[in-house]
Amino acid sequence: MSSQKDLFDKIQKIYQKNPNRLNIIEEQIDLDIQMNYFKRSGMLKKQVVTLDEVLAKVPVLYDADARLEEKRDILIMLASFEDIETFRFLEKYKNEAVGEIKLWASMAYRESKLLLESSLLEDDEQILISTGLGGKGTKLRYFICLVHKNEEFFTEIQERIIRNELTSSMERHNAELESFSVENHLIKLFLLVPINEQVKDIVNDVIDACEELGNFLDNHIIITNVRAFSNDEISQIVHEHLREEDLIGIDFIDDEHSLGLDDDEDDEEDDDDDDDDDIF
């Protein structure tokens, strides 16, 4: 995989040329599930099946006793067909589904959507951007945690300084604040930041303001789009001096008509003990 800087540079070039090529998985889905989806998708696409054969399996999706793995494979296979009615079914099913299958349904919906868009935009290769925290439109979601120096509680004035500078910086970078919570010596944020903007620019504006007006922030600033951290994990990062500023994980897949891993990864066995049996 390319370095984070290479990924960002490539995204910037694509965005400047044609932002419509970029497709973000908006839901918050664990990266392990996402990668297992891509891996299983690549394996199943080696099979030759018809749409009618797959549609005959659809009732299994509504069977409470059916295995998750079987439902997952049906969704993946449905997403492999360039068919508008199948896309509409996946859109409907992801809204109805509950539990873990809902995550797989969301992934299948995104793949189906990308497949249809690719067929309509023949000259523009579509790119799927995948992060653990997802996003909205052309904005990626980030979890950010600011820590008070010496683990002291934030005062009302300090909180106001952070809020004011954050609001000002977000306006400059066209970002959105989804949540802002103060938990004693921690301030946790969820931000939506445009693909063509660097989230660190926003955070640095806040840090600079805090340095000028009291220098009350700890050196450990957490920025990630992989997942939110618990208070215990944040404490471990601070006390063990683990650097998490660069934990900004983005994967994106160039794709003309399908989502799949490279051939050398497709041949690996599935992680699930009982998933390797083909169901079609």
C-alpha atoms as a PDB file:
ATOM      1  CA  MET A   1       0.000   0.000   0.000  1.00  0.00           C
ATOM      2  CA  SER A   2       1.220   3.493  -0.740  1.00  0.00           C
ATOM      3  CA  SER A   3       2.192   5.844   2.032  1.00  0.00           C
ATOM      4  CA  GLN A   4      -0.478   8.096   3.531  1.00  0.00           C
ATOM      5  CA  LYS A   5       1.067  11.102   1.778  1.00  0.00           C
ATOM      6  CA  ASP A   6       0.972   9.336  -1.576  1.00  0.00           C
ATOM      7  CA  LEU A   7      -2.673   8.430  -1.000  1.00  0.00           C
ATOM      8  CA  PHE A   8      -3.609  11.992  -0.116  1.00  0.00           C
ATOM      9  CA  ASP A   9      -1.670  13.364  -3.090  1.00  0.00           C
ATOM     10  CA  LYS A  10      -3.465  10.998  -5.449  1.00  0.00           C
ATOM     11  CA  ILE A  11      -6.844  11.882  -3.956  1.00  0.00           C
ATOM     12  CA  GLN A  12      -6.123  15.594  -4.365  1.00  0.00           C
ATOM     13  CA  LYS A  13      -5.249  15.181  -8.046  1.00  0.00           C
ATOM     14  CA  ILE A  14      -8.370  13.137  -8.732  1.00  0.00           C
ATOM     15  CA  TYR A  15     -10.580  15.563  -6.799  1.00  0.00           C
ATOM     16  CA  GLN A  16      -9.226  18.573  -8.683  1.00  0.00           C
ATOM     17  CA  LYS A  17      -9.774  16.883 -12.043  1.00  0.00           C
ATOM     18  CA  ASN A  18     -13.152  15.243 -11.381  1.00  0.00           C
ATOM     19  CA  PRO A  19     -14.557  14.915  -7.836  1.00  0.00           C
ATOM     20  CA  ASN A  20     -17.431  12.778  -9.167  1.00  0.00           C
ATOM     21  CA  ARG A  21     -15.020   9.872  -9.522  1.00  0.00           C
ATOM     22  CA  LEU A  22     -14.687   9.609  -5.740  1.00  0.00           C
ATOM     23  CA  ASN A  23     -17.171   7.501  -3.786  1.00  0.00           C
ATOM     24  CA  ILE A  24     -16.974   7.328   0.001  1.00  0.00           C
ATOM     25  CA  ILE A  25     -18.370   4.459   2.047  1.00  0.00           C
ATOM     26  CA  GLU A  26     -20.448   6.682   4.313  1.00  0.00           C
ATOM     27  CA  GLU A  27     -21.395   4.179   7.018  1.00  0.00           C
ATOM     28  CA  GLN A  28     -19.156   3.526  10.003  1.00  0.00           C
ATOM     29  CA  ILE A  29     -18.065  -0.062   9.336  1.00  0.00           C
ATOM     30  CA  ASP A  30     -15.181  -1.831  11.007  1.00  0.00           C
ATOM     31  CA  LEU A  31     -12.232  -2.063   8.626  1.00  0.00           C
ATOM     32  CA  ASP A  32     -11.926  -5.812   9.222  1.00  0.00           C
ATOM     33  CA  ILE A  33     -15.458  -6.295   7.906  1.00  0.00           C
ATOM     34  CA  GLN A  34     -14.714  -4.086   4.914  1.00  0.00           C
ATOM     35  CA  MET A  35     -11.569  -5.970   4.004  1.00  0.00           C
ATOM     36  CA  ASN A  36     -13.286  -9.333   4.516  1.00  0.00           C
ATOM     37  CA  TYR A  37     -16.027  -8.129   2.181  1.00  0.00           C
ATOM     38  CA  PHE A  38     -13.550  -7.198  -0.561  1.00  0.00           C
ATOM     39  CA  LYS A  39     -11.686 -10.458  -0.093  1.00  0.00           C
ATOM     40  CA  ARG A  40     -14.817 -12.607  -0.237  1.00  0.00           C
ATOM     41  CA  SER A  41     -16.125 -10.583  -3.190  1.00  0.00           C
ATOM     42  CA  GLY A  42     -12.968 -11.335  -5.153  1.00  0.00           C
ATOM     43  CA  MET A  43     -13.302 -15.047  -4.414  1.00  0.00           C
ATOM     44  CA  LEU A  44     -16.988 -15.303  -5.334  1.00  0.00           C
ATOM     45  CA  LYS A  45     -16.521 -13.444  -8.608  1.00  0.00           C
ATOM     46  CA  LYS A  46     -14.465 -16.373  -9.864  1.00  0.00           C
ATOM     47  CA  GLN A  47     -17.685 -18.393  -9.977  1.00  0.00           C
ATOM     48  CA  VAL A  48     -19.967 -18.367 -13.005  1.00  0.00           C
ATOM     49  CA  VAL A  49     -23.563 -17.817 -11.922  1.00  0.00           C
ATOM     50  CA  THR A  50     -26.561 -16.096 -13.442  1.00  0.00           C
ATOM     51  CA  LEU A  51     -28.619 -13.340 -11.870  1.00  0.00           C
ATOM     52  CA  ASP A  52     -31.636 -15.653 -11.781  1.00  0.00           C
ATOM     53  CA  GLU A  53     -29.666 -18.193  -9.752  1.00  0.00           C
ATOM     54  CA  VAL A  54     -28.730 -15.552  -7.228  1.00  0.00           C
ATOM     55  CA  LEU A  55     -32.246 -14.088  -7.073  1.00  0.00           C
ATOM     56  CA  ALA A  56     -33.552 -17.561  -6.248  1.00  0.00           C
ATOM     57  CA  LYS A  57     -31.506 -17.341  -3.045  1.00  0.00           C
ATOM     58  CA  VAL A  58     -32.988 -13.995  -1.931  1.00  0.00           C
ATOM     59  CA  PRO A  59     -35.599 -15.571   0.439  1.00  0.00           C
ATOM     60  CA  VAL A  60     -32.670 -16.805   2.535  1.00  0.00           C
ATOM     61  CA  LEU A  61     -31.963 -13.178   3.458  1.00  0.00           C
ATOM     62  CA  TYR A  62     -35.251 -13.129   5.359  1.00  0.00           C
ATOM     63  CA  ASP A  63     -34.729 -16.494   7.048  1.00  0.00           C
ATOM     64  CA  ALA A  64     -33.976 -15.915  10.724  1.00  0.00           C
ATOM     65  CA  ASP A  65     -32.273 -19.300  10.956  1.00  0.00           C
ATOM     66  CA  ALA A  66     -29.945 -18.826   7.976  1.00  0.00           C
ATOM     67  CA  ARG A  67     -26.250 -18.386   8.655  1.00  0.00           C
ATOM     68  CA  LEU A  68     -24.738 -14.913   8.469  1.00  0.00           C
ATOM     69  CA  GLU A  69     -22.107 -16.234   6.045  1.00  0.00           C
ATOM     70  CA  GLU A  70     -24.769 -17.479   3.638  1.00  0.00           C
ATOM     71  CA  LYS A  71     -26.658 -14.178   3.713  1.00  0.00           C
ATOM     72  CA  ARG A  72     -23.392 -12.307   3.260  1.00  0.00           C
ATOM     73  CA  ASP A  73     -22.506 -14.267   0.124  1.00  0.00           C
ATOM     74  CA  ILE A  74     -25.939 -13.682  -1.400  1.00  0.00           C
ATOM     75  CA  LEU A  75     -25.544  -9.930  -0.905  1.00  0.00           C
ATOM     76  CA  ILE A  76     -22.046  -9.952  -2.386  1.00  0.00           C
ATOM     77  CA  MET A  77     -23.213 -11.867  -5.454  1.00  0.00           C
ATOM     78  CA  LEU A  78     -26.205  -9.574  -5.944  1.00  0.00           C
ATOM     79  CA  ALA A  79     -23.850  -6.594  -5.913  1.00  0.00           C
ATOM     80  CA  SER A  80     -21.777  -8.125  -8.723  1.00  0.00           C
ATOM     81  CA  PHE A  81     -24.523  -7.661 -11.336  1.00  0.00           C
ATOM     82  CA  GLU A  82     -25.040  -4.446 -13.259  1.00  0.00           C
ATOM     83  CA  ASP A  83     -28.792  -4.356 -12.718  1.00  0.00           C
ATOM     84  CA  ILE A  84     -30.900  -1.413 -11.559  1.00  0.00           C
ATOM     85  CA  GLU A  85     -33.587  -3.552  -9.915  1.00  0.00           C
ATOM     86  CA  THR A  86     -30.950  -5.439  -7.944  1.00  0.00           C
ATOM     87  CA  PHE A  87     -29.473  -2.121  -6.840  1.00  0.00           C
ATOM     88  CA  ARG A  88     -32.866  -0.919  -5.656  1.00  0.00           C
ATOM     89  CA  PHE A  89     -33.393  -4.161  -3.741  1.00  0.00           C
ATOM     90  CA  LEU A  90     -30.013  -3.780  -2.000  1.00  0.00           C
ATOM     91  CA  GLU A  91     -30.858  -0.173  -1.134  1.00  0.00           C
ATOM     92  CA  LYS A  92     -34.151  -1.300   0.399  1.00  0.00           C
ATOM     93  CA  TYR A  93     -32.639  -4.283   2.205  1.00  0.00           C
ATOM     94  CA  LYS A  94     -29.819  -2.287   3.830  1.00  0.00           C
ATOM     95  CA  ASN A  95     -32.430   0.037   5.322  1.00  0.00           C
ATOM     96  CA  GLU A  96     -34.463  -2.884   6.662  1.00  0.00           C
ATOM     97  CA  ALA A  97     -31.647  -5.141   7.878  1.00  0.00           C
ATOM     98  CA  VAL A  98     -30.615  -5.263  11.531  1.00  0.00           C
ATOM     99  CA  GLY A  99     -27.539  -6.545  13.294  1.00  0.00           C
ATOM    100  CA  GLU A 100     -24.262  -7.420  11.600  1.00  0.00           C
ATOM    101  CA  ILE A 101     -25.881  -8.320   8.265  1.00  0.00           C
ATOM    102  CA  LYS A 102     -26.806  -4.637   7.920  1.00  0.00           C
ATOM    103  CA  LEU A 103     -23.088  -3.822   7.607  1.00  0.00           C
ATOM    104  CA  TRP A 104     -22.643  -6.372   4.833  1.00  0.00           C
ATOM    105  CA  ALA A 105     -25.770  -5.042   3.134  1.00  0.00           C
ATOM    106  CA  SER A 106     -24.332  -1.522   3.240  1.00  0.00           C
ATOM    107  CA  MET A 107     -21.122  -2.731   1.616  1.00  0.00           C
ATOM    108  CA  ALA A 108     -23.067  -4.586  -1.091  1.00  0.00           C
ATOM    109  CA  TYR A 109     -25.164  -1.484  -1.745  1.00  0.00           C
ATOM    110  CA  ARG A 110     -22.034   0.642  -2.172  1.00  0.00           C
ATOM    111  CA  GLU A 111     -20.508  -1.872  -4.587  1.00  0.00           C
ATOM    112  CA  SER A 112     -23.701  -2.084  -6.623  1.00  0.00           C
ATOM    113  CA  LYS A 113     -23.933   1.705  -6.768  1.00  0.00           C
ATOM    114  CA  LEU A 114     -20.325   1.986  -7.908  1.00  0.00           C
ATOM    115  CA  LEU A 115     -20.892  -0.647 -10.601  1.00  0.00           C
ATOM    116  CA  LEU A 116     -23.868   1.236 -12.047  1.00  0.00           C
ATOM    117  CA  GLU A 117     -22.076   4.585 -11.922  1.00  0.00           C
ATOM    118  CA  SER A 118     -19.059   3.067 -13.670  1.00  0.00           C
ATOM    119  CA  SER A 119     -21.258   1.816 -16.500  1.00  0.00           C
ATOM    120  CA  LEU A 120     -22.780   5.270 -16.954  1.00  0.00           C
ATOM    121  CA  LEU A 121     -19.420   7.051 -16.821  1.00  0.00           C
ATOM    122  CA  GLU A 122     -17.417   4.852 -19.159  1.00  0.00           C
ATOM    123  CA  ASP A 123     -14.523   7.292 -19.498  1.00  0.00           C
ATOM    124  CA  ASP A 124     -14.198   7.964 -15.764  1.00  0.00           C
ATOM    125  CA  GLU A 125     -12.869   5.126 -13.653  1.00  0.00           C
ATOM    126  CA  GLN A 126     -14.669   5.199 -10.319  1.00  0.00           C
ATOM    127  CA  ILE A 127     -12.803   5.080  -7.018  1.00  0.00           C
ATOM    128  CA  LEU A 128     -14.183   3.818  -3.725  1.00  0.00           C
ATOM    129  CA  ILE A 129     -12.726   5.359  -0.564  1.00  0.00           C
ATOM    130  CA  SER A 130     -13.009   3.228   2.538  1.00  0.00           C
ATOM    131  CA  THR A 131     -12.338   4.253   6.147  1.00  0.00           C
ATOM    132  CA  GLY A 132     -13.565   2.847   9.428  1.00  0.00           C
ATOM    133  CA  LEU A 133     -15.462   6.013  10.349  1.00  0.00           C
ATOM    134  CA  GLY A 134     -16.950   6.636   6.916  1.00  0.00           C
ATOM    135  CA  GLY A 135     -18.049  10.072   5.811  1.00  0.00           C
ATOM    136  CA  LYS A 136     -20.744  12.089   4.063  1.00  0.00           C
ATOM    137  CA  GLY A 137     -20.758  13.172   0.437  1.00  0.00           C
ATOM    138  CA  THR A 138     -17.163  14.111  -0.366  1.00  0.00           C
ATOM    139  CA  LYS A 139     -16.226  14.584   3.289  1.00  0.00           C
ATOM    140  CA  LEU A 140     -14.404  12.085   5.508  1.00  0.00           C
ATOM    141  CA  ARG A 141     -15.289  11.614   9.177  1.00  0.00           C
ATOM    142  CA  TYR A 142     -12.533  11.982  11.788  1.00  0.00           C
ATOM    143  CA  PHE A 143     -12.372  11.326  15.507  1.00  0.00           C
ATOM    144  CA  ILE A 144     -10.202  13.867  17.317  1.00  0.00           C
ATOM    145  CA  CYS A 145      -9.271  13.972  20.976  1.00  0.00           C
ATOM    146  CA  LEU A 146      -7.619  16.910  22.717  1.00  0.00           C
ATOM    147  CA  VAL A 147      -6.050  16.233  26.112  1.00  0.00           C
ATOM    148  CA  HIS A 148      -5.509  18.837  28.842  1.00  0.00           C
ATOM    149  CA  LYS A 149      -1.994  19.243  30.174  1.00  0.00           C
ATOM    150  CA  ASN A 150      -1.356  17.271  33.375  1.00  0.00           C
ATOM    151  CA  GLU A 151      -4.848  15.804  32.967  1.00  0.00           C
ATOM    152  CA  GLU A 152      -6.485  18.846  34.537  1.00  0.00           C
ATOM    153  CA  PHE A 153     -10.149  19.587  33.842  1.00  0.00           C
ATOM    154  CA  PHE A 154     -10.905  22.055  31.050  1.00  0.00           C
ATOM    155  CA  THR A 155     -12.219  25.373  32.326  1.00  0.00           C
ATOM    156  CA  GLU A 156     -15.153  27.140  30.693  1.00  0.00           C
ATOM    157  CA  ILE A 157     -12.787  29.750  29.225  1.00  0.00           C
ATOM    158  CA  GLN A 158     -10.502  27.092  27.759  1.00  0.00           C
ATOM    159  CA  GLU A 159     -13.459  25.262  26.269  1.00  0.00           C
ATOM    160  CA  ARG A 160     -14.696  28.515  24.751  1.00  0.00           C
ATOM    161  CA  ILE A 161     -11.272  29.192  23.207  1.00  0.00           C
ATOM    162  CA  ILE A 162     -11.289  25.762  21.562  1.00  0.00           C
ATOM    163  CA  ARG A 163     -14.875  26.082  20.348  1.00  0.00           C
ATOM    164  CA  ASN A 164     -14.298  29.541  18.870  1.00  0.00           C
ATOM    165  CA  GLU A 165     -11.082  28.649  17.058  1.00  0.00           C
ATOM    166  CA  LEU A 166     -12.535  25.371  15.867  1.00  0.00           C
ATOM    167  CA  THR A 167     -15.594  27.120  14.431  1.00  0.00           C
ATOM    168  CA  SER A 168     -13.425  29.690  12.674  1.00  0.00           C
ATOM    169  CA  SER A 169     -11.068  27.078  11.230  1.00  0.00           C
ATOM    170  CA  MET A 170     -13.916  24.840  10.066  1.00  0.00           C
ATOM    171  CA  GLU A 171     -15.425  27.730   8.145  1.00  0.00           C
ATOM    172  CA  ARG A 172     -12.098  28.311   6.380  1.00  0.00           C
ATOM    173  CA  HIS A 173     -11.790  24.630   5.456  1.00  0.00           C
ATOM    174  CA  ASN A 174     -15.480  23.933   4.751  1.00  0.00           C
ATOM    175  CA  ALA A 175     -15.628  21.310   7.496  1.00  0.00           C
ATOM    176  CA  GLU A 176     -18.601  20.275   9.663  1.00  0.00           C
ATOM    177  CA  LEU A 177     -18.751  19.547  13.384  1.00  0.00           C
ATOM    178  CA  GLU A 178     -20.881  16.505  14.178  1.00  0.00           C
ATOM    179  CA  SER A 179     -20.238  16.354  17.921  1.00  0.00           C
ATOM    180  CA  PHE A 180     -18.251  18.122  20.634  1.00  0.00           C
ATOM    181  CA  SER A 181     -18.043  16.609  24.106  1.00  0.00           C
ATOM    182  CA  VAL A 182     -16.035  17.577  27.184  1.00  0.00           C
ATOM    183  CA  GLU A 183     -15.175  14.731  29.540  1.00  0.00           C
ATOM    184  CA  ASN A 184     -13.081  16.127  32.373  1.00  0.00           C
ATOM    185  CA  HIS A 185      -9.572  16.465  30.876  1.00  0.00           C
ATOM    186  CA  LEU A 186     -10.627  15.262  27.415  1.00  0.00           C
ATOM    187  CA  ILE A 187     -12.393  16.991  24.532  1.00  0.00           C
ATOM    188  CA  LYS A 188     -13.693  14.609  21.870  1.00  0.00           C
ATOM    189  CA  LEU A 189     -14.750  15.717  18.419  1.00  0.00           C
ATOM    190  CA  PHE A 190     -16.233  14.169  15.321  1.00  0.00           C
ATOM    191  CA  LEU A 191     -15.503  16.264  12.234  1.00  0.00           C
ATOM    192  CA  LEU A 192     -16.476  15.911   8.591  1.00  0.00           C
ATOM    193  CA  VAL A 193     -13.598  17.243   6.495  1.00  0.00           C
ATOM    194  CA  PRO A 194     -13.582  17.617   2.691  1.00  0.00           C
ATOM    195  CA  ILE A 195     -11.354  15.180   0.846  1.00  0.00           C
ATOM    196  CA  ASN A 196      -9.358  18.070  -0.579  1.00  0.00           C
ATOM    197  CA  GLU A 197      -8.581  19.496   2.877  1.00  0.00           C
ATOM    198  CA  GLN A 198      -6.075  18.312   5.482  1.00  0.00           C
ATOM    199  CA  VAL A 199      -7.659  17.659   8.873  1.00  0.00           C
ATOM    200  CA  LYS A 200      -4.360  18.530  10.557  1.00  0.00           C
ATOM    201  CA  ASP A 201      -4.650  22.096   9.265  1.00  0.00           C
ATOM    202  CA  ILE A 202      -7.854  22.488  11.283  1.00  0.00           C
ATOM    203  CA  VAL A 203      -6.382  20.890  14.394  1.00  0.00           C
ATOM    204  CA  ASN A 204      -3.196  22.968  14.131  1.00  0.00           C
ATOM    205  CA  ASP A 205      -5.263  26.162  14.127  1.00  0.00           C
ATOM    206  CA  VAL A 206      -6.803  25.084  17.438  1.00  0.00           C
ATOM    207  CA  ILE A 207      -3.430  24.090  18.901  1.00  0.00           C
ATOM    208  CA  ASP A 208      -1.862  27.412  17.921  1.00  0.00           C
ATOM    209  CA  ALA A 209      -4.691  29.351  19.577  1.00  0.00           C
ATOM    210  CA  CYS A 210      -4.358  27.305  22.775  1.00  0.00           C
ATOM    211  CA  GLU A 211      -0.607  27.889  22.877  1.00  0.00           C
ATOM    212  CA  GLU A 212      -1.082  31.630  22.601  1.00  0.00           C
ATOM    213  CA  LEU A 213      -3.864  31.738  25.205  1.00  0.00           C
ATOM    214  CA  GLY A 214      -2.503  29.602  28.012  1.00  0.00           C
ATOM    215  CA  ASN A 215      -0.650  26.670  26.478  1.00  0.00           C
ATOM    216  CA  PHE A 216      -2.979  24.213  28.217  1.00  0.00           C
ATOM    217  CA  LEU A 217      -3.047  21.283  25.752  1.00  0.00           C
ATOM    218  CA  ASP A 218      -1.046  18.088  26.109  1.00  0.00           C
ATOM    219  CA  ASN A 219       1.328  17.196  23.265  1.00  0.00           C
ATOM    220  CA  HIS A 220      -0.687  14.071  22.480  1.00  0.00           C
ATOM    221  CA  ILE A 221      -3.371  14.955  19.950  1.00  0.00           C
ATOM    222  CA  ILE A 222      -5.308  12.016  18.531  1.00  0.00           C
ATOM    223  CA  ILE A 223      -6.565  12.206  14.949  1.00  0.00           C
ATOM    224  CA  THR A 224      -7.980   9.136  13.238  1.00  0.00           C
ATOM    225  CA  ASN A 225     -10.574   8.060  10.710  1.00  0.00           C
ATOM    226  CA  VAL A 226     -10.271   4.389  11.656  1.00  0.00           C
ATOM    227  CA  ARG A 227     -12.425   4.372  14.821  1.00  0.00           C
ATOM    228  CA  ALA A 228     -13.151   6.294  18.009  1.00  0.00           C
ATOM    229  CA  PHE A 229     -10.987   5.551  21.038  1.00  0.00           C
ATOM    230  CA  SER A 230     -12.276   4.838  24.519  1.00  0.00           C
ATOM    231  CA  ASN A 231     -11.082   6.854  27.512  1.00  0.00           C
ATOM    232  CA  ASP A 232      -8.950   3.906  28.638  1.00  0.00           C
ATOM    233  CA  GLU A 233      -7.258   3.704  25.236  1.00  0.00           C
ATOM    234  CA  ILE A 234      -6.650   7.442  25.235  1.00  0.00           C
ATOM    235  CA  SER A 235      -5.097   7.183  28.690  1.00  0.00           C
ATOM    236  CA  GLN A 236      -2.794   4.435  27.466  1.00  0.00           C
ATOM    237  CA  ILE A 237      -1.715   6.538  24.509  1.00  0.00           C
ATOM    238  CA  VAL A 238      -0.927   9.503  26.747  1.00  0.00           C
ATOM    239  CA  HIS A 239       0.849   7.581  29.489  1.00  0.00           C
ATOM    240  CA  GLU A 240       2.877   5.370  27.184  1.00  0.00           C
ATOM    241  CA  HIS A 241       3.637   8.215  24.792  1.00  0.00           C
ATOM    242  CA  LEU A 242       2.321   6.350  21.775  1.00  0.00           C
ATOM    243  CA  ARG A 243       2.074   8.599  18.765  1.00  0.00           C
ATOM    244  CA  GLU A 244      -1.393   8.494  17.221  1.00  0.00           C
ATOM    245  CA  GLU A 245      -1.340  11.742  15.235  1.00  0.00           C
ATOM    246  CA  ASP A 246      -0.638   9.880  12.013  1.00  0.00           C
ATOM    247  CA  LEU A 247      -3.292   7.202  12.471  1.00  0.00           C
ATOM    248  CA  ILE A 248      -5.272   8.367   9.471  1.00  0.00           C
ATOM    249  CA  GLY A 249      -6.176   5.216   7.597  1.00  0.00           C
ATOM    250  CA  ILE A 250      -7.572   5.525   4.102  1.00  0.00           C
ATOM    251  CA  ASP A 251      -7.897   2.766   1.534  1.00  0.00           C
ATOM    252  CA  PHE A 252      -9.242   3.392  -1.912  1.00  0.00           C
ATOM    253  CA  ILE A 253      -9.831   1.002  -4.737  1.00  0.00           C
ATOM    254  CA  ASP A 254      -9.588   1.894  -8.417  1.00  0.00           C
ATOM    255  CA  ASP A 255     -12.401   0.093 -10.130  1.00  0.00           C
ATOM    256  CA  GLU A 256     -13.944   0.019 -13.556  1.00  0.00           C
ATOM    257  CA  HIS A 257     -16.673  -2.525 -12.991  1.00  0.00           C
ATOM    258  CA  SER A 258     -16.046  -4.394  -9.759  1.00  0.00           C
ATOM    259  CA  LEU A 259     -14.616  -4.245  -6.286  1.00  0.00           C
ATOM    260  CA  GLY A 260     -11.987  -6.882  -5.695  1.00  0.00           C
ATOM    261  CA  LEU A 261      -8.598  -7.430  -4.160  1.00  0.00           C
ATOM    262  CA  ASP A 262      -5.471  -8.110  -6.158  1.00  0.00           C
ATOM    263  CA  ASP A 263      -5.216 -11.626  -7.541  1.00  0.00           C
ATOM    264  CA  ASP A 264      -2.581 -12.697  -5.045  1.00  0.00           C
ATOM    265  CA  GLU A 265      -4.929 -11.830  -2.180  1.00  0.00           C
ATOM    266  CA  ASP A 266      -7.976 -13.402  -3.792  1.00  0.00           C
ATOM    267  CA  ASP A 267      -6.379 -16.828  -3.537  1.00  0.00           C
ATOM    268  CA  GLU A 268      -6.048 -16.686   0.228  1.00  0.00           C
ATOM    269  CA  GLU A 269      -8.482 -18.677   2.332  1.00  0.00           C
ATOM    270  CA  ASP A 270     -11.383 -16.917   4.006  1.00  0.00           C
ATOM    271  CA  ASP A 271     -10.870 -15.986   7.645  1.00  0.00           C
ATOM    272  CA  ASP A 272     -14.142 -17.605   8.729  1.00  0.00           C
ATOM    273  CA  ASP A 273     -13.839 -21.277   9.608  1.00  0.00           C
ATOM    274  CA  ASP A 274     -16.948 -22.324   7.723  1.00  0.00           C
ATOM    275  CA  ASP A 275     -17.091 -19.744   4.967  1.00  0.00           C
ATOM    276  CA  ASP A 276     -15.055 -21.423   2.264  1.00  0.00           C
ATOM    277  CA  ASP A 277     -17.846 -23.587   0.884  1.00  0.00           C
ATOM    278  CA  ASP A 278     -19.428 -22.032  -2.189  1.00  0.00           C
ATOM    279  CA  ILE A 279     -23.177 -21.621  -1.844  1.00  0.00           C
ATOM    280  CA  PHE A 280     -24.062 -21.358  -5.540  1.00  0.00           C
END
